[in-house]
Protein backbone atom coordinates (compact mmCIF):
# COMPACT_ATOMS: atom_id res chain seq x y z
CA MET A 1 36.09 7.88 208.53
CA GLN A 2 36.83 10.83 206.30
CA GLN A 3 33.74 12.65 205.15
CA GLU A 4 32.86 12.10 201.51
CA THR A 5 33.53 15.17 199.37
CA ARG A 6 30.45 16.50 197.61
CA GLN A 7 31.05 16.96 193.89
CA HIS A 8 31.28 20.66 193.31
CA HIS A 9 32.11 22.89 190.38
CA PRO A 10 32.88 26.60 190.83
CA PHE A 11 30.96 27.46 187.65
CA ASN A 12 28.86 26.08 184.83
CA VAL A 13 28.89 27.43 181.27
CA LEU A 14 25.85 27.34 179.01
CA ASN A 15 25.96 27.97 175.24
CA ARG A 16 29.64 28.78 175.35
CA HIS A 17 29.76 29.15 171.59
CA GLY A 18 26.36 30.81 171.21
CA ARG A 19 26.03 33.36 168.43
CA SER A 20 24.72 36.29 170.45
CA ASP A 21 26.68 39.40 171.42
CA LEU A 22 25.16 38.95 174.88
CA VAL A 23 27.21 37.45 177.73
CA ILE A 24 25.17 36.48 180.79
CA ILE A 25 26.66 36.12 184.26
CA CYS A 26 24.96 35.00 187.46
CA ASP A 27 27.04 35.53 190.59
CA HIS A 28 24.63 34.20 193.22
CA ALA A 29 22.99 31.37 191.30
CA SER A 30 23.89 28.56 193.68
CA LYS A 31 23.14 27.59 197.27
CA VAL A 32 25.71 24.76 197.11
CA ILE A 33 28.24 24.57 199.93
CA PRO A 34 30.97 21.96 199.35
CA ARG A 35 30.61 19.12 201.84
CA GLU A 36 33.94 19.76 203.54
CA TYR A 37 32.51 23.01 204.93
CA ASN A 38 29.76 21.13 206.82
CA ASP A 39 27.08 23.58 205.64
CA LEU A 40 29.02 26.29 207.52
CA GLY A 41 27.13 25.12 210.62
CA LEU A 42 23.77 26.27 209.25
CA SER A 43 20.43 24.47 209.14
CA GLY A 44 18.90 23.23 205.92
CA SER A 45 16.17 25.85 206.17
CA ASP A 46 18.75 28.64 206.37
CA LEU A 47 20.39 27.36 203.21
CA GLU A 48 17.10 27.66 201.32
CA ARG A 49 16.85 31.35 202.20
CA HIS A 50 18.11 34.34 200.25
CA ILE A 51 21.17 34.56 202.48
CA ALA A 52 22.62 31.56 200.62
CA TRP A 53 21.65 32.44 197.02
CA ASP A 54 19.65 34.65 194.70
CA ILE A 55 16.40 32.71 194.48
CA GLY A 56 15.19 32.33 190.89
CA ALA A 57 18.18 34.04 189.28
CA GLN A 58 19.66 30.93 187.71
CA GLY A 59 16.34 29.92 186.19
CA VAL A 60 15.96 33.32 184.52
CA ALA A 61 19.57 33.20 183.31
CA GLU A 62 19.07 29.77 181.75
CA LEU A 63 15.93 30.84 179.87
CA LEU A 64 17.58 34.02 178.59
CA ALA A 65 20.65 32.08 177.46
CA ALA A 66 18.38 29.79 175.47
CA ALA A 67 16.23 32.63 174.08
CA PHE A 68 19.21 34.60 172.77
CA ASP A 69 21.62 31.73 172.04
CA ALA A 70 23.95 33.52 174.44
CA PRO A 71 26.77 32.17 176.59
CA ALA A 72 26.03 32.20 180.30
CA VAL A 73 28.52 31.71 183.13
CA ILE A 74 26.70 30.46 186.22
CA CYS A 75 28.46 30.57 189.59
CA GLY A 76 28.36 27.23 191.39
CA THR A 77 29.18 28.27 194.96
CA SER A 78 26.95 29.75 197.64
CA ARG A 79 27.55 33.40 198.45
CA LEU A 80 28.05 32.30 202.08
CA VAL A 81 31.24 30.43 201.15
CA ILE A 82 32.44 33.37 199.06
CA ASP A 83 30.41 36.13 197.48
CA CYS A 84 31.70 36.30 193.92
CA ASN A 85 30.27 39.80 193.49
CA ARG A 86 32.47 41.25 196.22
CA HIS A 87 36.16 42.05 196.23
CA PRO A 88 37.88 39.11 197.96
CA THR A 89 39.34 41.45 200.58
CA ASP A 90 35.91 42.81 201.49
CA PRO A 91 34.77 41.36 204.86
CA ALA A 92 31.34 40.84 203.30
CA ALA A 93 32.86 38.39 200.80
CA MET A 94 32.83 35.70 203.53
CA PRO A 95 30.21 37.06 205.91
CA VAL A 96 30.19 36.28 209.61
CA LYS A 97 26.49 37.27 209.70
CA SER A 98 23.84 37.65 207.01
CA ASP A 99 20.41 39.22 207.56
CA GLY A 100 20.73 38.57 211.28
CA VAL A 101 21.87 34.95 210.89
CA VAL A 102 25.28 34.12 212.37
CA ILE A 103 27.40 32.01 210.00
CA PRO A 104 29.36 29.68 212.34
CA GLY A 105 31.71 28.38 209.66
CA ASN A 106 32.91 31.90 208.85
CA GLN A 107 33.65 33.05 212.39
CA ALA A 108 37.33 32.20 212.73
CA LEU A 109 38.73 32.17 209.21
CA THR A 110 42.48 32.51 208.91
CA GLN A 111 44.08 34.32 205.99
CA SER A 112 45.01 30.91 204.63
CA ASP A 113 41.35 29.83 204.80
CA ARG A 114 40.28 32.94 202.95
CA ASP A 115 43.00 32.59 200.32
CA ASP A 116 41.96 28.98 199.74
CA ARG A 117 38.35 29.95 199.03
CA VAL A 118 39.47 32.69 196.66
CA ARG A 119 41.72 30.26 194.82
CA ARG A 120 39.20 27.41 194.61
CA PHE A 121 35.97 29.25 193.88
CA PHE A 122 36.36 32.96 193.12
CA HIS A 123 39.15 32.93 190.57
CA PRO A 124 37.91 29.98 188.49
CA TYR A 125 34.49 31.62 188.09
CA HIS A 126 35.85 35.01 187.11
CA ASP A 127 38.57 33.52 184.91
CA MET A 128 35.85 31.71 182.96
CA ILE A 129 33.91 34.97 182.50
CA GLU A 130 37.10 36.52 181.13
CA ASP A 131 37.61 33.57 178.80
CA VAL A 132 34.06 33.81 177.43
CA ILE A 133 34.32 37.57 176.89
CA GLY A 134 37.69 37.11 175.20
CA GLU A 135 36.16 34.54 172.85
CA ARG A 136 33.41 37.04 171.96
CA PHE A 137 36.01 39.61 170.97
CA ARG A 138 38.01 37.11 168.91
CA GLU A 139 34.85 36.13 167.04
CA GLY A 140 34.12 39.76 166.17
CA HIS A 141 31.44 40.45 168.77
CA HIS A 142 31.16 43.55 170.96
CA PRO A 143 29.67 41.97 174.07
CA LEU A 144 26.78 43.30 176.15
CA ILE A 145 27.26 42.03 179.71
CA LEU A 146 24.04 41.03 181.47
CA SER A 147 24.39 40.39 185.22
CA ILE A 148 21.35 38.67 186.76
CA HIS A 149 20.41 38.91 190.44
CA SER A 150 17.32 38.67 192.63
CA MET A 151 16.25 40.65 195.69
CA THR A 152 14.12 39.94 198.73
CA PRO A 153 10.54 41.29 198.77
CA GLU A 154 11.37 43.24 201.92
CA MET A 155 14.37 44.22 203.99
CA ASN A 156 14.47 45.56 207.53
CA GLY A 157 10.68 45.49 207.64
CA LYS A 158 10.24 47.64 204.53
CA PHE A 159 8.41 46.26 201.50
CA ARG A 160 10.07 46.67 198.11
CA PRO A 161 7.47 47.63 195.50
CA TRP A 162 9.76 47.07 192.51
CA GLU A 163 9.17 43.74 190.80
CA ILE A 164 12.23 44.32 188.66
CA SER A 165 15.01 46.87 188.99
CA LEU A 166 18.13 47.90 187.11
CA SER A 167 21.33 48.91 188.89
CA SER A 168 23.76 51.31 187.26
CA ASN A 169 26.41 53.93 187.87
CA GLU A 170 27.28 56.99 185.79
CA GLN A 171 27.61 54.83 182.63
CA ARG A 172 23.83 54.70 182.23
CA LYS A 173 23.08 54.82 178.51
CA VAL A 174 22.02 51.18 178.08
CA SER A 175 20.29 51.07 181.47
CA GLU A 176 18.21 54.13 180.62
CA LEU A 177 17.15 52.63 177.30
CA MET A 178 16.20 49.36 178.99
CA LEU A 179 14.30 51.16 181.75
CA GLY A 180 12.22 52.92 179.12
CA LEU A 181 11.45 49.66 177.34
CA LEU A 182 10.43 47.89 180.54
CA ARG A 183 8.28 50.82 181.64
CA ARG A 184 6.21 50.61 178.47
CA ARG A 185 4.35 47.90 180.34
CA ARG A 186 1.85 49.47 182.72
CA ASP A 187 1.36 46.28 184.75
CA ILE A 188 4.80 46.13 186.40
CA THR A 189 6.76 48.39 188.75
CA VAL A 190 10.33 49.04 187.59
CA GLY A 191 13.06 50.35 189.87
CA ASP A 192 16.01 52.52 188.87
CA ASN A 193 18.86 51.96 191.35
CA GLN A 194 16.23 50.85 193.85
CA PRO A 195 16.97 49.21 196.20
CA TYR A 196 20.56 48.85 194.92
CA ASN A 197 22.74 50.97 192.72
CA LEU A 198 25.91 49.73 191.04
CA ASP A 199 28.80 50.65 193.31
CA PRO A 200 32.31 49.72 192.12
CA ALA A 201 33.45 49.96 195.74
CA GLU A 202 31.16 47.04 196.59
CA ASP A 203 30.17 45.26 193.38
CA TYR A 204 32.87 43.30 191.61
CA SER A 205 31.59 41.53 188.52
CA THR A 206 30.07 44.28 186.38
CA PRO A 207 32.78 46.84 187.24
CA VAL A 208 35.61 44.42 186.43
CA HIS A 209 34.19 42.66 183.39
CA ALA A 210 32.18 45.49 181.82
CA LEU A 211 32.96 48.96 183.19
CA ALA A 212 36.72 48.48 183.08
CA ARG A 213 36.43 47.67 179.36
CA HIS A 214 33.80 50.34 178.67
CA LEU A 215 31.46 47.56 177.56
CA PRO A 216 27.69 48.04 177.60
CA TYR A 217 26.03 46.31 180.53
CA ILE A 218 22.73 45.66 182.24
CA GLN A 219 22.57 44.62 185.89
CA VAL A 220 19.08 43.45 186.82
CA GLU A 221 17.34 42.46 190.05
CA PHE A 222 14.15 40.39 189.99
CA ARG A 223 12.05 40.35 193.17
CA GLN A 224 12.20 36.88 194.62
CA ASP A 225 8.48 36.44 195.21
CA GLN A 226 8.07 36.98 191.47
CA VAL A 227 10.68 34.38 190.38
CA GLY A 228 10.34 31.81 193.15
CA THR A 229 8.45 29.29 191.00
CA PRO A 230 8.99 27.89 187.49
CA ALA A 231 5.92 29.81 186.28
CA GLY A 232 7.25 33.06 187.73
CA ILE A 233 10.69 32.48 186.27
CA LYS A 234 9.19 31.95 182.81
CA LYS A 235 6.92 34.98 183.11
CA TRP A 236 9.76 37.34 183.99
CA ALA A 237 12.19 35.81 181.53
CA ASP A 238 9.58 36.43 178.82
CA ILE A 239 9.04 40.04 179.95
CA PHE A 240 12.78 40.68 179.99
CA THR A 241 13.31 38.90 176.67
CA GLU A 242 10.76 41.14 174.96
CA ALA A 243 12.41 44.33 176.21
CA LEU A 244 15.96 43.10 175.57
CA THR A 245 15.09 41.99 172.03
CA ASP A 246 13.82 45.50 171.29
CA LEU A 247 16.97 47.01 172.83
CA ILE A 248 19.26 44.83 170.72
CA GLU A 249 17.30 45.56 167.53
CA ARG A 250 17.50 49.30 168.17
CA SER A 251 21.25 49.12 168.80
CA GLN A 252 21.76 47.33 165.49
CA ALA A 253 19.59 49.68 163.45
CA PRO A 254 21.38 52.08 161.08
CA ALA A 255 21.93 55.55 162.52
C-alpha cells in the first residue's frame, strides 16, 4: 500500500500585513521531513537534534513577530532535506553527513532528486520572502530584515560562551548599533561574528534578500541551551525586543 503523504508546507507566514518595517525570516525553524522521504533513514532522536533544525529559533521568531506586529516567513522544511540558507548548488544544501551523523537519504541523490527538492521547498520559501518584502516597499516601508538562527552550546568539543551573537559582513552599521545595545546588559555574553560571520559565499538568505538590495539587516544566533524551553524563548525574545525597540526608535529619530 502506498505510504500516506504527511501534510507539509514549505513555509508559514505570520502577520503578513503587519504594520512594522521589520521583516523576520527563519530558515531553519522546522525539523519536519515530508513522509515520502522516510525520515531520510534517521532515528527519531537524531531528528530532535540541532542537525535537523535550529532549536528555539521559531519560538523566538513568533514572539518577535507578535511584539512588533511584523511579518515573519517561517521555513517549514528540515535543513536535512534542503538547507534554505545555502545556495542550492552547494553540497552542504543537502548534506550527506551532519555533525558526524551520516544522512542515508542524501547519499545517492541524482540531479533530478536535487532539482525536485529545490523546486518543492527552496523556491516557494524564498519566493514568499520576496513577496513579503515587495509588499513592504509598495506600502511605503523600508524594510529591516531580521534573520533568526540558533547555535549549539559547543562544537568539536569547544564550549561557546556567547549566549547571543550577531553575524555580519562589511555592511555592519546596524549590527554595530545592535551589538552596543545588547552589550548594555552586563549579565549576558554577546558575540560579534562568533562563532559565525555572514559569508555570502555560504549564506544565502540575508545576502540575497537584504545585502543585494542594500537593505538594513540583523542576523542573530541564540545559543540553544538558552532557548530550548518556552521560558528561555520568552526570556531571550524579551531581551532582544528591548534592544531592537531602542534601535528602531533611534533610527526614526530626527537627525
